[in-house]
Amino acid sequence: MGKGRIKGGPRSSTIAVAMVITTGLVSGCGGDDQGSGGSKATNGAVTLTWSMWASGTEDRDAWQKVADDVAAEHPNIKITLETAPFNDYFTKLGTRLAGGSAPCIVSMQSLRTGGYTSGMRPLDDLIAKNALDVGDFDTSIMAGLASGGKQYALPYDLGSLVITYNKDLFKAADVPAPKVGWTMADFESAAKALTRDGKHGFVAYPTDLYMFPMLLSRTGAEPVDASGKLALTADPMVTAFQWYADLAAKDGVAPKVPGVDNNFPDTQFLNGSVAMSVNGPWSVLSLKQQAKFGVGLATIPAGPGGSKTYSAGSGFGISQSCPYPDEAFTAISVMTGAKVLGQLGELGRAYPARKSVQDKWYKNAFEGAKEVIDAANASAKPFRTTGNWDQVTKTLNQYGVQAFNGQATAADVLQQVQQQAAR
């Protein structure tokens, strides 16, 4: 997800200031046929704009390599890459989709798919027309990138949320490293012992992928009920959210949150100020390049019902305004093919959505990662959201900070978010 963030995948990451490419719409490359998000030259070559989130040069370089792979395989197709920080990406995308000025190739996160389908082209006819075998894709992320029975994107990654921890801080505090199957009691004990010398045991923050797995494991709370409606005011959710916020507000094992800053958890973890954070397998590339300490992975601590977590991921679709859907589909078929996803897996940039190349991710992963990821995948469930999830999560960021600083109760915050989302 894919983070948002060191994400996301689902959340591609936002741990560094992103390089924003302000290319705007692609202008004609000597062409005589131009349209939103693409242009066609007189020799039939097509240039397509692709919009993607990225957290810095390493991220962008990885995606540029993907764009180059498309051109290498299909010389008549050129991809112009635009990148933006994850936190800004979907706001800008919504405006462009509504205005008919979206890029041809649209990057989409599973949590947010339902909110953008009006501006995206269903891919089912193109999948059938090109006889694309989708059987190698993980079924959960295919479902996450579908809405109303239609497929809106092909996936490149998926991942189950896990705990990342600072091995150096654990060792310095003489705290046993977390293992698969550790419990909430183990987590709380470790967080308390690791809170010393101006550092904290954990970083808590009110954002979707990085908070809700902890709440799910703690009480079984889910933000959306079985009918697909937002259910933030249900008792298990209020109880779990209060516990999570109190890690900072009352227990002091997590730092107070200075304000709305979705980079806060990643910044705190990477600068060594906290010993534990929640993240996904899409974070490996950024963590290995930026962390100045040993990083370990652990499952989300088990509550009364065992260890539970969510899975999410991302993929690529086509905007309704794209004048060259056939070429765009050819491009995303390459971008989500086994060759490209295998390369991204080896980089640690993505836990591949194709089952046939998932083993490549482990080649450069952290020690012990396979046991943790396998266990997380076994307990994960797809993260279900509402059609207006982008609004929900932004409102939760806005009001949730107050609970983490002891200025409001969980019940009040969740009631406010529930009411705002219903408008």
Protein backbone atom coordinates (compact mmCIF):
# COMPACT_ATOMS: atom_id res chain seq x y z
CA MET A 1 0.00 0.00 0.00
CA GLY A 2 1.20 -0.24 -0.09
CA LYS A 3 1.82 3.57 3.03
CA GLY A 4 0.96 6.01 2.51
CA ARG A 5 4.25 7.20 4.30
CA ILE A 6 6.71 4.33 4.20
CA LYS A 7 3.86 2.92 2.22
CA GLY A 8 -0.01 1.86 1.42
CA GLY A 9 1.31 0.01 -0.18
CA PRO A 10 -0.57 0.13 0.40
CA ARG A 11 1.08 3.80 1.80
CA SER A 12 4.00 4.32 -0.28
CA SER A 13 6.06 6.46 2.07
CA THR A 14 6.19 10.10 2.95
CA ILE A 15 9.21 9.92 5.23
CA ALA A 16 11.13 12.42 3.16
CA VAL A 17 10.17 15.48 1.22
CA ALA A 18 8.92 14.28 -2.13
CA MET A 19 10.20 15.44 -5.45
CA VAL A 20 7.12 16.85 -7.12
CA ILE A 21 7.26 16.77 -10.86
CA THR A 22 5.16 19.63 -12.15
CA THR A 23 4.89 18.52 -15.69
CA GLY A 24 1.16 19.07 -15.82
CA LEU A 25 -0.50 17.54 -18.83
CA VAL A 26 1.69 16.12 -21.49
CA SER A 27 1.92 18.39 -24.47
CA GLY A 28 2.32 17.08 -27.97
CA CYS A 29 5.58 15.44 -28.84
CA GLY A 30 5.48 16.50 -32.45
CA GLY A 31 2.02 15.00 -32.56
CA ASP A 32 -1.16 16.07 -34.21
CA ASP A 33 -3.56 14.31 -31.89
CA GLN A 34 -3.60 15.47 -28.27
CA GLY A 35 -5.83 14.65 -25.36
CA SER A 36 -6.00 14.66 -21.60
CA GLY A 37 -3.11 12.72 -20.13
CA GLY A 38 -1.59 11.68 -23.44
CA SER A 39 -0.55 12.59 -26.95
CA LYS A 40 0.00 10.79 -30.24
CA ALA A 41 2.70 11.58 -32.76
CA THR A 42 2.26 11.37 -36.51
CA ASN A 43 4.22 8.12 -36.55
CA GLY A 44 1.69 6.54 -34.22
CA ALA A 45 3.85 6.64 -31.08
CA VAL A 46 1.87 7.45 -27.95
CA THR A 47 3.01 9.37 -24.87
CA LEU A 48 1.01 8.69 -21.71
CA THR A 49 1.14 10.54 -18.41
CA TRP A 50 1.34 8.39 -15.27
CA SER A 51 0.73 9.87 -11.83
CA MET A 52 2.25 8.16 -8.78
CA TRP A 53 3.06 9.00 -5.17
CA ALA A 54 6.70 8.97 -4.10
CA SER A 55 8.74 9.94 -1.06
CA GLY A 56 12.00 11.06 -2.64
CA THR A 57 14.60 10.28 -5.24
CA GLU A 58 14.96 6.56 -4.39
CA ASP A 59 11.23 6.06 -4.70
CA ARG A 60 10.97 8.06 -7.89
CA ASP A 61 13.95 6.29 -9.46
CA ALA A 62 12.27 2.94 -8.83
CA TRP A 63 9.11 4.12 -10.59
CA GLN A 64 11.04 5.68 -13.45
CA LYS A 65 12.62 2.28 -14.05
CA VAL A 66 9.11 0.84 -14.36
CA ALA A 67 8.20 3.51 -16.92
CA ASP A 68 11.38 2.74 -18.84
CA ASP A 69 10.53 -0.97 -18.85
CA VAL A 70 7.28 -0.20 -20.65
CA ALA A 71 9.12 1.70 -23.41
CA ALA A 72 11.72 -1.05 -23.71
CA GLU A 73 9.04 -3.66 -24.32
CA HIS A 74 6.78 -1.42 -26.41
CA PRO A 75 8.83 1.29 -28.17
CA ASN A 76 5.67 2.96 -29.46
CA ILE A 77 4.62 3.82 -25.88
CA LYS A 78 6.40 6.40 -23.75
CA ILE A 79 5.46 7.08 -20.13
CA THR A 80 5.89 10.52 -18.59
CA LEU A 81 6.02 10.07 -14.82
CA GLU A 82 4.55 12.61 -12.41
CA THR A 83 5.07 12.13 -8.66
CA ALA A 84 3.62 13.79 -5.58
CA PRO A 85 3.69 13.12 -1.82
CA PHE A 86 1.19 10.49 -0.75
CA ASN A 87 -0.56 12.95 1.57
CA ASP A 88 -1.33 15.26 -1.36
CA TYR A 89 -1.80 12.71 -4.08
CA PHE A 90 -5.47 11.80 -3.69
CA THR A 91 -6.70 15.35 -3.15
CA LYS A 92 -5.06 16.42 -6.40
CA LEU A 93 -6.22 13.28 -8.18
CA GLY A 94 -9.84 13.87 -7.20
CA THR A 95 -9.73 17.39 -8.61
CA ARG A 96 -8.18 16.22 -11.87
CA LEU A 97 -10.55 13.31 -12.32
CA ALA A 98 -13.54 15.58 -11.74
CA GLY A 99 -12.20 18.13 -14.19
CA GLY A 100 -11.40 15.62 -16.92
CA SER A 101 -7.69 16.48 -16.77
CA ALA A 102 -6.40 13.34 -15.08
CA PRO A 103 -3.34 11.45 -16.27
CA CYS A 104 -4.00 8.43 -18.46
CA ILE A 105 -2.50 6.01 -15.95
CA VAL A 106 -3.81 6.45 -12.42
CA SER A 107 -2.16 4.90 -9.36
CA MET A 108 -4.74 3.74 -6.83
CA GLN A 109 -4.68 2.45 -3.25
CA SER A 110 -7.15 -0.27 -2.27
CA LEU A 111 -8.51 1.72 0.68
CA ARG A 112 -9.53 4.58 -1.59
CA THR A 113 -10.70 2.83 -4.75
CA GLY A 114 -14.43 3.25 -4.09
CA GLY A 115 -14.14 7.01 -3.86
CA TYR A 116 -12.62 7.52 -7.33
CA THR A 117 -14.46 5.11 -9.61
CA SER A 118 -16.56 7.82 -11.26
CA GLY A 119 -13.43 9.15 -12.94
CA MET A 120 -11.83 5.80 -13.72
CA ARG A 121 -12.43 3.32 -16.52
CA PRO A 122 -13.49 -0.23 -15.61
CA LEU A 123 -10.88 -2.63 -16.93
CA ASP A 124 -12.98 -5.77 -17.32
CA ASP A 125 -13.49 -5.40 -21.07
CA LEU A 126 -9.80 -4.72 -21.66
CA ILE A 127 -8.83 -7.70 -19.51
CA ALA A 128 -11.10 -9.89 -21.65
CA LYS A 129 -10.05 -8.27 -24.95
CA ASN A 130 -6.37 -8.88 -24.21
CA ALA A 131 -6.98 -12.31 -22.67
CA LEU A 132 -4.96 -11.23 -19.63
CA ASP A 133 -4.62 -14.08 -17.15
CA VAL A 134 -5.25 -12.56 -13.73
CA GLY A 135 -4.99 -15.87 -11.88
CA ASP A 136 -1.48 -15.10 -10.63
CA PHE A 137 -2.65 -12.01 -8.75
CA ASP A 138 -3.52 -12.34 -5.08
CA THR A 139 -7.32 -12.45 -4.94
CA SER A 140 -7.62 -10.19 -1.89
CA ILE A 141 -5.90 -7.24 -3.54
CA MET A 142 -7.80 -7.76 -6.80
CA ALA A 143 -10.95 -7.43 -4.70
CA GLY A 144 -9.52 -4.36 -2.98
CA LEU A 145 -9.04 -2.62 -6.33
CA ALA A 146 -12.54 -3.48 -7.50
CA SER A 147 -15.83 -1.77 -6.74
CA GLY A 148 -19.41 -2.61 -7.56
CA GLY A 149 -18.33 -5.83 -9.23
CA LYS A 150 -15.97 -4.04 -11.64
CA GLN A 151 -12.17 -4.08 -11.72
CA TYR A 152 -10.68 -0.57 -11.69
CA ALA A 153 -6.97 -1.31 -11.33
CA LEU A 154 -4.44 -4.11 -11.68
CA PRO A 155 -2.37 -4.58 -8.51
CA TYR A 156 1.36 -4.23 -8.15
CA ASP A 157 1.66 -4.85 -4.41
CA LEU A 158 -0.10 -5.96 -1.29
CA GLY A 159 0.97 -6.31 2.26
CA SER A 160 -0.11 -7.08 5.78
CA LEU A 161 0.60 -4.50 8.46
CA VAL A 162 3.28 -5.46 10.99
CA ILE A 163 5.39 -3.92 13.74
CA THR A 164 8.79 -2.51 12.83
CA TYR A 165 11.19 -2.16 15.75
CA ASN A 166 14.57 -0.63 16.52
CA LYS A 167 16.88 -3.52 17.44
CA ASP A 168 19.46 -1.19 18.95
CA LEU A 169 17.00 0.36 21.41
CA PHE A 170 15.69 -3.06 22.44
CA LYS A 171 19.23 -4.25 23.08
CA ALA A 172 20.22 -1.13 25.02
CA ALA A 173 17.17 -1.48 27.28
CA ASP A 174 17.74 -5.24 27.67
CA VAL A 175 14.23 -5.92 26.42
CA PRO A 176 13.61 -9.23 24.60
CA ALA A 177 12.90 -8.76 20.91
CA PRO A 178 9.26 -9.38 19.98
CA LYS A 179 8.45 -12.74 18.42
CA VAL A 180 5.61 -14.08 16.32
CA GLY A 181 2.67 -14.60 18.65
CA TRP A 182 3.64 -12.00 21.24
CA THR A 183 0.70 -10.47 23.11
CA MET A 184 -0.70 -7.06 23.95
CA ALA A 185 0.63 -7.55 27.48
CA ASP A 186 4.10 -8.21 26.02
CA PHE A 187 3.77 -5.09 23.86
CA GLU A 188 2.74 -2.87 26.77
CA SER A 189 5.53 -4.21 28.97
CA ALA A 190 8.12 -3.62 26.26
CA ALA A 191 6.80 -0.13 25.46
CA LYS A 192 7.06 0.84 29.12
CA ALA A 193 10.60 -0.52 29.51
CA LEU A 194 11.73 1.17 26.30
CA THR A 195 10.43 4.57 27.37
CA ARG A 196 13.53 6.10 28.91
CA ASP A 197 16.32 8.58 28.27
CA GLY A 198 14.01 10.87 26.32
CA LYS A 199 12.85 8.11 23.99
CA HIS A 200 9.51 6.32 23.77
CA GLY A 201 8.55 2.70 23.29
CA PHE A 202 6.01 3.24 20.51
CA VAL A 203 4.62 5.92 18.21
CA ALA A 204 0.84 6.25 18.00
CA TYR A 205 -0.97 8.43 15.49
CA PRO A 206 -4.57 8.59 14.18
CA THR A 207 -4.12 7.40 10.61
CA ASP A 208 -5.79 4.47 8.92
CA LEU A 209 -3.33 1.72 8.03
CA TYR A 210 -1.07 2.35 10.99
CA MET A 211 -3.69 2.60 13.72
CA PHE A 212 -6.59 0.31 12.82
CA PRO A 213 -4.59 -2.97 12.85
CA MET A 214 -3.74 -2.31 16.50
CA LEU A 215 -7.39 -1.60 17.30
CA LEU A 216 -8.52 -4.70 15.41
CA SER A 217 -6.16 -6.92 17.36
CA ARG A 218 -6.98 -5.23 20.67
CA THR A 219 -10.79 -5.56 20.63
CA GLY A 220 -11.79 -6.79 17.17
CA ALA A 221 -12.95 -3.26 16.30
CA GLU A 222 -13.43 -2.42 12.62
CA PRO A 223 -14.16 1.02 11.17
CA VAL A 224 -16.76 -0.29 8.71
CA ASP A 225 -19.60 -2.70 9.57
CA ALA A 226 -20.74 -5.72 7.58
CA SER A 227 -23.11 -3.56 5.50
CA GLY A 228 -20.29 -1.24 4.46
CA LYS A 229 -21.32 1.67 6.68
CA LEU A 230 -18.93 3.67 8.84
CA ALA A 231 -19.05 2.34 12.43
CA LEU A 232 -16.63 4.49 14.41
CA THR A 233 -18.93 4.92 17.40
CA ALA A 234 -19.38 1.22 18.15
CA ASP A 235 -18.26 0.26 21.66
CA PRO A 236 -15.29 -1.96 20.63
CA MET A 237 -13.96 0.88 18.47
CA VAL A 238 -14.32 3.52 21.19
CA THR A 239 -12.66 1.26 23.76
CA ALA A 240 -9.75 0.36 21.47
CA PHE A 241 -9.23 3.93 20.26
CA GLN A 242 -9.12 5.23 23.84
CA TRP A 243 -6.53 2.60 24.77
CA TYR A 244 -4.43 3.49 21.73
CA ALA A 245 -4.64 7.25 22.31
CA ASP A 246 -3.80 6.78 25.99
CA LEU A 247 -0.46 5.26 25.03
CA ALA A 248 0.50 8.89 24.47
CA ALA A 249 -2.05 10.87 26.51
CA LYS A 250 -2.02 8.87 29.74
CA ASP A 251 0.62 6.15 29.81
CA GLY A 252 3.38 8.24 28.24
CA VAL A 253 4.90 5.32 26.32
CA ALA A 254 4.26 7.17 23.04
CA PRO A 255 5.15 10.82 22.33
CA LYS A 256 2.50 13.52 22.34
CA VAL A 257 1.46 14.50 18.84
CA PRO A 258 2.37 18.11 17.96
CA GLY A 259 -0.38 18.48 15.36
CA VAL A 260 -1.64 17.06 12.10
CA ASP A 261 1.49 15.65 10.51
CA ASN A 262 1.20 12.33 8.73
CA ASN A 263 4.99 12.12 8.57
CA PHE A 264 5.18 12.11 12.37
CA PRO A 265 5.28 8.31 12.96
CA ASP A 266 7.92 7.70 10.29
CA THR A 267 10.04 10.66 11.35
CA GLN A 268 9.96 9.56 14.98
CA PHE A 269 10.94 6.00 14.10
CA LEU A 270 13.69 6.87 11.64
CA ASN A 271 15.37 9.42 13.89
CA GLY A 272 15.54 6.84 16.67
CA SER A 273 13.12 8.61 19.01
CA VAL A 274 10.75 5.63 19.30
CA ALA A 275 11.42 1.91 19.44
CA MET A 276 8.33 0.58 17.66
CA SER A 277 5.98 1.62 14.89
CA VAL A 278 3.42 -0.01 12.59
CA ASN A 279 4.28 -0.37 8.92
CA GLY A 280 3.97 -2.61 5.89
CA PRO A 281 6.35 -4.66 3.73
CA TRP A 282 6.45 -1.81 1.19
CA SER A 283 8.66 0.06 3.69
CA VAL A 284 11.73 -2.16 3.30
CA LEU A 285 13.48 -0.08 0.64
CA SER A 286 13.14 3.18 2.55
CA LEU A 287 14.00 1.66 5.92
CA LYS A 288 17.12 -0.08 4.67
CA GLN A 289 18.35 3.09 3.02
CA GLN A 290 17.49 5.56 5.77
CA ALA A 291 17.54 3.84 9.16
CA LYS A 292 20.84 4.23 11.03
CA PHE A 293 20.07 1.27 13.27
CA GLY A 294 19.09 -2.38 13.00
CA VAL A 295 15.44 -2.88 12.07
CA GLY A 296 13.36 -5.92 12.94
CA LEU A 297 9.83 -7.00 12.06
CA ALA A 298 7.19 -8.47 14.36
CA THR A 299 3.53 -9.35 14.10
CA ILE A 300 0.86 -7.05 15.49
CA PRO A 301 0.58 -8.06 19.18
CA ALA A 302 -2.20 -10.53 19.91
CA GLY A 303 -5.33 -9.51 21.74
CA PRO A 304 -8.01 -11.83 23.19
CA GLY A 305 -8.76 -13.21 19.73
CA GLY A 306 -5.13 -13.68 18.73
CA SER A 307 -2.96 -11.56 16.48
CA LYS A 308 -5.01 -9.77 13.84
CA THR A 309 -4.07 -7.33 11.14
CA TYR A 310 -5.20 -5.80 7.88
CA SER A 311 -3.86 -6.15 4.38
CA ALA A 312 -3.94 -3.51 1.70
CA GLY A 313 -2.21 -2.70 -1.53
CA SER A 314 -2.10 -0.57 -4.63
CA GLY A 315 -2.26 -0.79 -8.39
CA PHE A 316 -2.68 1.04 -11.66
CA GLY A 317 -5.85 1.98 -13.53
CA ILE A 318 -6.93 4.17 -16.42
CA SER A 319 -8.77 7.48 -16.20
CA GLN A 320 -12.05 7.98 -18.05
CA SER A 321 -10.52 10.94 -19.86
CA CYS A 322 -7.59 8.95 -21.26
CA PRO A 323 -7.81 9.05 -25.07
CA TYR A 324 -5.65 5.94 -25.49
CA PRO A 325 -7.07 3.22 -23.21
CA ASP A 326 -5.65 0.36 -25.29
CA GLU A 327 -2.10 1.69 -25.06
CA ALA A 328 -2.61 2.52 -21.38
CA PHE A 329 -3.77 -1.04 -20.71
CA THR A 330 -0.73 -2.40 -22.54
CA ALA A 331 1.43 -0.22 -20.30
CA ILE A 332 -0.16 -1.29 -17.01
CA SER A 333 0.00 -4.93 -18.13
CA VAL A 334 3.79 -4.52 -18.29
CA MET A 335 3.86 -2.50 -15.06
CA THR A 336 2.09 -5.32 -13.22
CA GLY A 337 3.78 -8.18 -15.06
CA ALA A 338 5.92 -10.80 -13.35
CA LYS A 339 9.18 -9.26 -14.60
CA VAL A 340 8.53 -5.78 -13.21
CA LEU A 341 6.95 -6.97 -9.97
CA GLY A 342 9.87 -9.31 -9.43
CA GLN A 343 12.25 -6.36 -9.80
CA LEU A 344 10.23 -4.25 -7.35
CA GLY A 345 10.16 -7.16 -4.95
CA GLU A 346 13.94 -7.54 -5.02
CA LEU A 347 14.30 -3.82 -4.30
CA GLY A 348 12.00 -4.15 -1.31
CA ARG A 349 9.81 -1.49 -2.91
CA ALA A 350 6.79 -3.76 -3.11
CA TYR A 351 5.64 -7.11 -1.81
CA PRO A 352 4.50 -8.36 -5.22
CA ALA A 353 0.81 -8.80 -5.93
CA ARG A 354 1.72 -11.73 -8.19
CA LYS A 355 2.12 -14.89 -6.17
CA SER A 356 4.69 -16.33 -8.57
CA VAL A 357 7.34 -13.71 -7.69
CA GLN A 358 6.63 -13.02 -4.01
CA ASP A 359 9.72 -15.01 -3.01
CA LYS A 360 11.91 -12.31 -4.59
CA TRP A 361 10.90 -9.83 -1.88
CA TYR A 362 12.63 -11.91 0.78
CA LYS A 363 16.06 -11.75 -0.90
CA ASN A 364 16.77 -8.30 0.50
CA ALA A 365 14.35 -8.23 3.41
CA PHE A 366 15.30 -8.02 7.07
CA GLU A 367 16.42 -11.11 8.93
CA GLY A 368 13.43 -13.16 10.09
CA ALA A 369 11.05 -11.29 7.77
CA LYS A 370 9.58 -14.37 6.11
CA GLU A 371 8.30 -15.88 9.35
CA VAL A 372 6.72 -12.57 10.34
CA ILE A 373 5.16 -11.79 6.97
CA ASP A 374 3.85 -15.33 6.56
CA ALA A 375 2.23 -15.16 10.01
CA ALA A 376 0.79 -11.70 9.31
CA ASN A 377 -0.61 -12.81 5.96
CA ALA A 378 -2.25 -15.79 7.64
CA SER A 379 -4.09 -13.55 10.11
CA ALA A 380 -4.80 -10.59 7.83
CA LYS A 381 -8.13 -9.52 6.44
CA PRO A 382 -8.67 -7.00 3.63
CA PHE A 383 -9.15 -3.46 4.91
CA ARG A 384 -12.73 -2.53 3.97
CA THR A 385 -13.58 1.17 3.71
CA THR A 386 -16.33 3.54 2.67
CA GLY A 387 -16.56 5.40 -0.63
CA ASN A 388 -15.57 8.65 1.08
CA TRP A 389 -12.64 7.13 2.94
CA ASP A 390 -10.22 9.88 1.98
CA GLN A 391 -12.49 12.37 3.76
CA VAL A 392 -12.86 10.03 6.75
CA THR A 393 -9.15 9.58 7.29
CA LYS A 394 -8.40 13.29 6.90
CA THR A 395 -11.10 14.16 9.43
CA LEU A 396 -9.74 11.49 11.77
CA ASN A 397 -6.27 13.04 11.48
CA GLN A 398 -7.71 16.47 12.23
CA TYR A 399 -9.74 15.62 15.33
CA GLY A 400 -7.86 12.55 16.52
CA VAL A 401 -4.76 14.49 17.55
CA GLN A 402 -6.75 15.95 20.46
CA ALA A 403 -7.29 12.49 21.97
CA PHE A 404 -3.57 11.69 21.76
CA ASN A 405 -2.77 14.85 23.68
CA GLY A 406 -5.45 14.31 26.35
CA GLN A 407 -7.62 17.19 25.13
CA ALA A 408 -10.61 15.07 24.12
CA THR A 409 -12.02 11.62 24.75
CA ALA A 410 -12.08 8.88 22.15
CA ALA A 411 -15.87 8.90 22.23
CA ASP A 412 -16.03 12.62 21.43
CA VAL A 413 -13.48 12.39 18.62
CA LEU A 414 -15.08 9.39 16.96
CA GLN A 415 -18.55 10.91 17.23
CA GLN A 416 -17.26 14.07 15.54
CA VAL A 417 -15.63 12.11 12.71
CA GLN A 418 -18.74 9.95 12.24
CA GLN A 419 -20.95 13.03 11.98
CA GLN A 420 -18.60 14.86 9.60
CA ALA A 421 -18.34 11.83 7.32
CA ALA A 422 -22.13 11.53 7.13
CA ARG A 423 -22.58 15.04 5.69
